[in-house]
């Protein structure tokens, strides 16, 4: 079986279908099934993205059992971003959330400029 065969992703598709029961009420903007090429992991991945606010990300984080300290926080030029990863049902899950910048957040440095 080569990396390009659809059958390689079948387990992720099955897990995603199984997620619709317990997590069917959770908000989602995009879901993709693909292959992760991380240095420490290689194989099927489900990527869940929520764009309507960070509370939606938190609902997913809690449902997947991801610890708050395992979340990466970033300030992007137009929004705040949260990212977390975990294994669920034997498949790697990437969770991405986007929401408005906090009112007290410093403005991110423009790309290419050094931050003092």
N, C-alpha and C. Protein backbone atom coordinates (compact mmCIF):
# COMPACT_ATOMS: atom_id res chain seq x y z
N UNK A 1 0.85 -1.18 0.00
CA UNK A 1 0.00 0.00 0.00
C UNK A 1 0.89 1.24 0.00
N UNK A 2 0.67 2.15 -0.92
CA UNK A 2 1.45 3.38 -0.96
C UNK A 2 0.76 4.46 -0.13
N UNK A 3 1.51 5.53 0.14
CA UNK A 3 0.97 6.60 0.96
C UNK A 3 -0.24 7.26 0.31
N UNK A 4 -0.32 7.22 -1.02
CA UNK A 4 -1.39 7.90 -1.70
C UNK A 4 -2.72 7.17 -1.77
N UNK A 5 -2.80 5.99 -1.22
CA UNK A 5 -4.04 5.22 -1.33
C UNK A 5 -5.08 5.66 -0.30
N UNK A 6 -6.29 5.78 -0.75
CA UNK A 6 -7.40 6.18 0.10
C UNK A 6 -7.57 5.23 1.29
N UNK A 7 -7.30 3.97 1.10
CA UNK A 7 -7.49 3.00 2.18
C UNK A 7 -6.64 3.32 3.41
N UNK A 8 -5.55 4.04 3.21
CA UNK A 8 -4.69 4.42 4.34
C UNK A 8 -5.41 5.35 5.31
N UNK A 9 -6.37 6.08 4.81
CA UNK A 9 -7.11 7.03 5.64
C UNK A 9 -8.40 6.47 6.20
N UNK A 10 -8.72 5.22 5.88
CA UNK A 10 -10.01 4.63 6.27
C UNK A 10 -10.23 4.66 7.77
N UNK A 11 -9.17 4.41 8.56
CA UNK A 11 -9.36 4.41 10.01
C UNK A 11 -9.73 5.81 10.51
N UNK A 12 -9.16 6.85 9.92
CA UNK A 12 -9.51 8.21 10.33
C UNK A 12 -10.95 8.56 9.94
N UNK A 13 -11.36 8.10 8.78
CA UNK A 13 -12.75 8.33 8.34
C UNK A 13 -13.71 7.61 9.29
N UNK A 14 -13.37 6.41 9.69
CA UNK A 14 -14.20 5.66 10.64
C UNK A 14 -14.28 6.37 11.99
N UNK A 15 -13.14 6.86 12.48
CA UNK A 15 -13.13 7.58 13.76
C UNK A 15 -13.95 8.86 13.64
N UNK A 16 -13.80 9.58 12.54
CA UNK A 16 -14.58 10.80 12.35
C UNK A 16 -16.07 10.50 12.35
N UNK A 17 -16.47 9.44 11.68
CA UNK A 17 -17.89 9.06 11.68
C UNK A 17 -18.35 8.72 13.09
N UNK A 18 -17.50 8.04 13.86
CA UNK A 18 -17.84 7.72 15.24
C UNK A 18 -17.92 8.93 16.15
N UNK A 19 -17.20 9.99 15.80
CA UNK A 19 -17.22 11.21 16.61
C UNK A 19 -18.55 11.94 16.49
N UNK A 20 -19.28 11.69 15.41
CA UNK A 20 -20.53 12.42 15.20
C UNK A 20 -21.57 12.10 16.26
N UNK A 21 -21.46 10.94 16.91
CA UNK A 21 -22.40 10.61 17.99
C UNK A 21 -22.14 11.43 19.23
N UNK A 22 -21.01 11.19 19.91
CA UNK A 22 -20.77 11.91 21.17
C UNK A 22 -20.47 13.40 20.98
N UNK A 23 -19.97 13.80 19.81
CA UNK A 23 -19.57 15.19 19.61
C UNK A 23 -20.42 15.91 18.57
N UNK A 24 -21.50 15.29 18.15
CA UNK A 24 -22.33 15.87 17.10
C UNK A 24 -22.90 17.24 17.42
N UNK A 25 -23.00 17.59 18.69
CA UNK A 25 -23.55 18.88 19.10
C UNK A 25 -22.51 19.99 19.09
N UNK A 26 -21.23 19.64 18.95
CA UNK A 26 -20.17 20.65 19.02
C UNK A 26 -20.05 21.43 17.72
N UNK A 27 -19.72 22.72 17.82
CA UNK A 27 -19.59 23.54 16.62
C UNK A 27 -18.33 23.18 15.84
N UNK A 28 -18.39 23.33 14.53
CA UNK A 28 -17.22 23.08 13.69
C UNK A 28 -17.36 23.90 12.42
N UNK A 29 -16.23 24.46 11.96
CA UNK A 29 -16.21 25.19 10.70
C UNK A 29 -15.71 24.28 9.59
N UNK A 30 -14.59 23.60 9.84
CA UNK A 30 -14.00 22.72 8.84
C UNK A 30 -13.49 21.45 9.52
N UNK A 31 -13.59 20.34 8.81
CA UNK A 31 -12.97 19.08 9.24
C UNK A 31 -12.30 18.49 8.00
N UNK A 32 -11.04 18.11 8.16
CA UNK A 32 -10.35 17.44 7.07
C UNK A 32 -9.71 16.15 7.58
N UNK A 33 -9.58 15.21 6.70
CA UNK A 33 -8.89 13.96 6.99
C UNK A 33 -7.70 13.91 6.05
N UNK A 34 -6.53 13.65 6.61
CA UNK A 34 -5.33 13.62 5.79
C UNK A 34 -4.25 12.81 6.46
N UNK A 35 -3.01 13.13 6.11
CA UNK A 35 -1.85 12.44 6.65
C UNK A 35 -0.96 13.44 7.34
N UNK A 36 -0.51 13.12 8.55
CA UNK A 36 0.43 13.97 9.27
C UNK A 36 1.85 13.50 8.98
N UNK A 37 2.74 14.45 8.84
CA UNK A 37 4.15 14.16 8.55
C UNK A 37 5.04 14.78 9.62
N UNK A 38 4.63 14.69 10.86
CA UNK A 38 5.41 15.26 11.95
C UNK A 38 6.66 14.43 12.20
N UNK A 39 7.69 15.04 12.76
CA UNK A 39 8.92 14.27 13.05
C UNK A 39 8.68 13.07 13.98
N UNK A 40 7.73 13.21 14.89
CA UNK A 40 7.48 12.14 15.87
C UNK A 40 6.24 11.30 15.55
N UNK A 41 5.58 11.61 14.45
CA UNK A 41 4.37 10.85 14.11
C UNK A 41 4.13 10.92 12.61
N UNK A 42 3.64 9.83 12.09
CA UNK A 42 3.31 9.75 10.67
C UNK A 42 2.08 8.88 10.54
N UNK A 43 1.08 9.35 9.86
CA UNK A 43 -0.11 8.55 9.66
C UNK A 43 -1.35 9.40 9.51
N UNK A 44 -2.51 8.78 9.58
CA UNK A 44 -3.77 9.51 9.40
C UNK A 44 -3.99 10.57 10.48
N UNK A 45 -4.62 11.65 10.10
CA UNK A 45 -4.93 12.74 11.02
C UNK A 45 -6.30 13.32 10.68
N UNK A 46 -7.01 13.74 11.72
CA UNK A 46 -8.25 14.50 11.57
C UNK A 46 -7.95 15.91 12.05
N UNK A 47 -8.22 16.90 11.22
CA UNK A 47 -7.99 18.30 11.58
C UNK A 47 -9.36 18.96 11.74
N UNK A 48 -9.60 19.48 12.95
CA UNK A 48 -10.86 20.15 13.28
C UNK A 48 -10.55 21.63 13.47
N UNK A 49 -11.26 22.49 12.75
CA UNK A 49 -11.06 23.94 12.88
C UNK A 49 -12.37 24.61 13.24
N UNK A 50 -12.29 25.52 14.19
CA UNK A 50 -13.45 26.32 14.59
C UNK A 50 -13.06 27.79 14.47
N UNK A 51 -13.92 28.58 13.84
CA UNK A 51 -13.60 29.97 13.52
C UNK A 51 -14.55 30.97 14.16
N UNK A 52 -15.49 30.50 14.94
CA UNK A 52 -16.51 31.40 15.46
C UNK A 52 -16.22 31.90 16.87
N UNK A 53 -15.06 31.57 17.41
CA UNK A 53 -14.72 32.04 18.75
C UNK A 53 -13.96 30.98 19.52
N UNK A 54 -13.23 31.43 20.51
CA UNK A 54 -12.38 30.53 21.28
C UNK A 54 -13.18 29.65 22.24
N UNK A 55 -14.41 30.03 22.57
CA UNK A 55 -15.25 29.18 23.41
C UNK A 55 -15.57 27.87 22.68
N UNK A 56 -15.72 27.94 21.37
CA UNK A 56 -15.96 26.73 20.58
C UNK A 56 -14.75 25.80 20.64
N UNK A 57 -13.55 26.38 20.58
CA UNK A 57 -12.32 25.59 20.72
C UNK A 57 -12.30 24.91 22.08
N UNK A 58 -12.63 25.66 23.12
CA UNK A 58 -12.62 25.11 24.48
C UNK A 58 -13.60 23.96 24.64
N UNK A 59 -14.74 24.05 24.00
CA UNK A 59 -15.72 22.95 24.06
C UNK A 59 -15.12 21.68 23.47
N UNK A 60 -14.45 21.81 22.34
CA UNK A 60 -13.78 20.66 21.72
C UNK A 60 -12.64 20.15 22.59
N UNK A 61 -11.83 21.08 23.11
CA UNK A 61 -10.69 20.69 23.94
C UNK A 61 -11.14 19.85 25.12
N UNK A 62 -12.18 20.29 25.79
CA UNK A 62 -12.71 19.55 26.93
C UNK A 62 -13.26 18.20 26.50
N UNK A 63 -14.00 18.17 25.40
CA UNK A 63 -14.61 16.92 24.93
C UNK A 63 -13.55 15.89 24.56
N UNK A 64 -12.44 16.34 24.01
CA UNK A 64 -11.36 15.43 23.61
C UNK A 64 -10.41 15.09 24.76
N UNK A 65 -10.62 15.73 25.91
CA UNK A 65 -9.78 15.45 27.06
C UNK A 65 -8.38 16.03 26.97
N UNK A 66 -8.23 17.12 26.24
CA UNK A 66 -6.93 17.77 26.10
C UNK A 66 -6.73 18.72 27.27
N UNK A 67 -5.59 18.62 27.93
CA UNK A 67 -5.30 19.46 29.09
C UNK A 67 -5.06 20.91 28.65
N UNK A 68 -5.51 21.89 29.44
CA UNK A 68 -5.29 23.30 29.08
C UNK A 68 -3.82 23.63 28.86
N UNK A 69 -2.93 23.02 29.62
CA UNK A 69 -1.50 23.32 29.48
C UNK A 69 -0.91 22.76 28.17
N UNK A 70 -1.67 21.96 27.45
CA UNK A 70 -1.20 21.42 26.17
C UNK A 70 -1.68 22.26 24.98
N UNK A 71 -2.26 23.41 25.26
CA UNK A 71 -2.76 24.29 24.21
C UNK A 71 -1.70 25.35 23.89
N UNK A 72 -1.47 25.57 22.60
CA UNK A 72 -0.56 26.61 22.14
C UNK A 72 -1.38 27.85 21.80
N UNK A 73 -0.98 28.99 22.35
CA UNK A 73 -1.67 30.26 22.12
C UNK A 73 -0.80 31.13 21.20
N UNK A 74 -1.43 31.75 20.21
CA UNK A 74 -0.71 32.67 19.33
C UNK A 74 -1.59 33.86 19.02
N UNK A 75 -0.95 35.01 18.89
CA UNK A 75 -1.64 36.20 18.42
C UNK A 75 -1.25 36.42 16.97
N UNK A 76 -2.23 36.37 16.10
CA UNK A 76 -2.03 36.61 14.68
C UNK A 76 -2.43 38.05 14.39
N UNK A 77 -2.10 38.59 13.24
CA UNK A 77 -2.45 39.99 12.97
C UNK A 77 -3.94 40.31 13.09
N UNK A 78 -4.81 39.35 12.74
CA UNK A 78 -6.26 39.61 12.74
C UNK A 78 -7.04 38.89 13.82
N UNK A 79 -6.39 37.95 14.54
CA UNK A 79 -7.15 37.15 15.49
C UNK A 79 -6.21 36.44 16.45
N UNK A 80 -6.82 35.82 17.45
CA UNK A 80 -6.09 34.94 18.36
C UNK A 80 -6.27 33.52 17.86
N UNK A 81 -5.25 32.69 18.08
CA UNK A 81 -5.27 31.31 17.61
C UNK A 81 -4.92 30.38 18.75
N UNK A 82 -5.67 29.30 18.87
CA UNK A 82 -5.37 28.23 19.82
C UNK A 82 -5.20 26.94 19.03
N UNK A 83 -4.21 26.14 19.41
CA UNK A 83 -3.95 24.87 18.74
C UNK A 83 -3.65 23.82 19.78
N UNK A 84 -4.16 22.63 19.57
CA UNK A 84 -3.88 21.49 20.45
C UNK A 84 -3.90 20.22 19.62
N UNK A 85 -3.18 19.22 20.12
CA UNK A 85 -3.13 17.94 19.43
C UNK A 85 -3.31 16.83 20.44
N UNK A 86 -3.90 15.74 19.99
CA UNK A 86 -4.11 14.59 20.87
C UNK A 86 -4.42 13.37 20.01
N UNK A 87 -4.39 12.23 20.64
CA UNK A 87 -4.83 11.02 19.97
C UNK A 87 -6.21 10.68 20.51
N UNK A 88 -7.12 10.34 19.61
CA UNK A 88 -8.47 9.96 20.03
C UNK A 88 -8.93 8.83 19.13
N UNK A 89 -9.36 7.76 19.72
CA UNK A 89 -9.83 6.62 18.95
C UNK A 89 -8.75 5.99 18.09
N UNK A 90 -7.49 6.18 18.48
CA UNK A 90 -6.38 5.62 17.73
C UNK A 90 -5.93 6.46 16.55
N UNK A 91 -6.47 7.67 16.41
CA UNK A 91 -6.12 8.56 15.31
C UNK A 91 -5.65 9.89 15.89
N UNK A 92 -4.64 10.48 15.25
CA UNK A 92 -4.14 11.78 15.67
C UNK A 92 -5.16 12.86 15.33
N UNK A 93 -5.41 13.76 16.27
CA UNK A 93 -6.36 14.86 16.09
C UNK A 93 -5.61 16.17 16.24
N UNK A 94 -5.80 17.09 15.31
CA UNK A 94 -5.31 18.45 15.43
C UNK A 94 -6.53 19.34 15.59
N UNK A 95 -6.52 20.17 16.61
CA UNK A 95 -7.63 21.08 16.89
C UNK A 95 -7.12 22.51 16.77
N UNK A 96 -7.81 23.31 15.94
CA UNK A 96 -7.43 24.71 15.72
C UNK A 96 -8.64 25.60 15.98
N UNK A 97 -8.43 26.65 16.75
CA UNK A 97 -9.50 27.60 17.01
C UNK A 97 -9.04 29.02 16.76
N UNK A 98 -9.95 29.83 16.27
CA UNK A 98 -9.64 31.22 15.96
C UNK A 98 -10.74 32.11 16.53
N UNK A 99 -10.34 33.25 17.08
CA UNK A 99 -11.30 34.17 17.65
C UNK A 99 -10.74 35.57 17.67
N UNK A 100 -11.51 36.52 18.15
CA UNK A 100 -11.05 37.91 18.17
C UNK A 100 -9.86 38.08 19.10
N UNK A 101 -9.04 39.06 18.79
CA UNK A 101 -7.92 39.40 19.65
C UNK A 101 -8.44 39.91 20.99
N UNK A 102 -7.79 39.56 22.09
CA UNK A 102 -8.19 40.11 23.38
C UNK A 102 -8.01 41.63 23.37
N UNK A 103 -8.89 42.34 24.07
CA UNK A 103 -8.84 43.80 24.10
C UNK A 103 -7.52 44.32 24.65
N UNK A 104 -6.90 43.56 25.54
CA UNK A 104 -5.66 44.02 26.18
C UNK A 104 -4.40 43.47 25.51
N UNK A 105 -4.55 42.78 24.40
CA UNK A 105 -3.40 42.15 23.75
C UNK A 105 -2.57 43.20 23.02
N UNK A 106 -1.25 43.07 23.11
CA UNK A 106 -0.40 43.97 22.33
C UNK A 106 -0.54 43.64 20.85
N UNK A 107 -0.41 44.62 20.02
CA UNK A 107 -0.51 44.38 18.59
C UNK A 107 0.67 43.53 18.13
N UNK A 108 0.42 42.50 17.35
CA UNK A 108 1.53 41.68 16.85
C UNK A 108 2.44 42.51 15.96
N UNK A 109 3.74 42.18 15.98
CA UNK A 109 4.69 42.88 15.11
C UNK A 109 4.42 42.50 13.67
N UNK A 110 4.51 43.46 12.76
CA UNK A 110 4.33 43.12 11.35
C UNK A 110 5.36 42.08 10.92
N UNK A 111 5.01 41.27 9.97
CA UNK A 111 5.90 40.22 9.49
C UNK A 111 7.20 40.86 9.01
N UNK A 112 8.31 40.29 9.44
CA UNK A 112 9.62 40.79 9.00
C UNK A 112 10.23 41.81 9.94
N UNK A 113 9.48 42.32 10.92
CA UNK A 113 10.03 43.28 11.87
C UNK A 113 10.36 42.58 13.16
N UNK A 114 11.44 42.97 13.76
CA UNK A 114 11.89 42.38 15.03
C UNK A 114 11.01 42.87 16.16
N UNK A 115 10.79 41.98 17.13
CA UNK A 115 10.05 42.34 18.32
C UNK A 115 11.03 42.70 19.40
N UNK A 116 10.84 43.83 20.04
CA UNK A 116 11.78 44.30 21.10
C UNK A 116 11.58 43.52 22.38
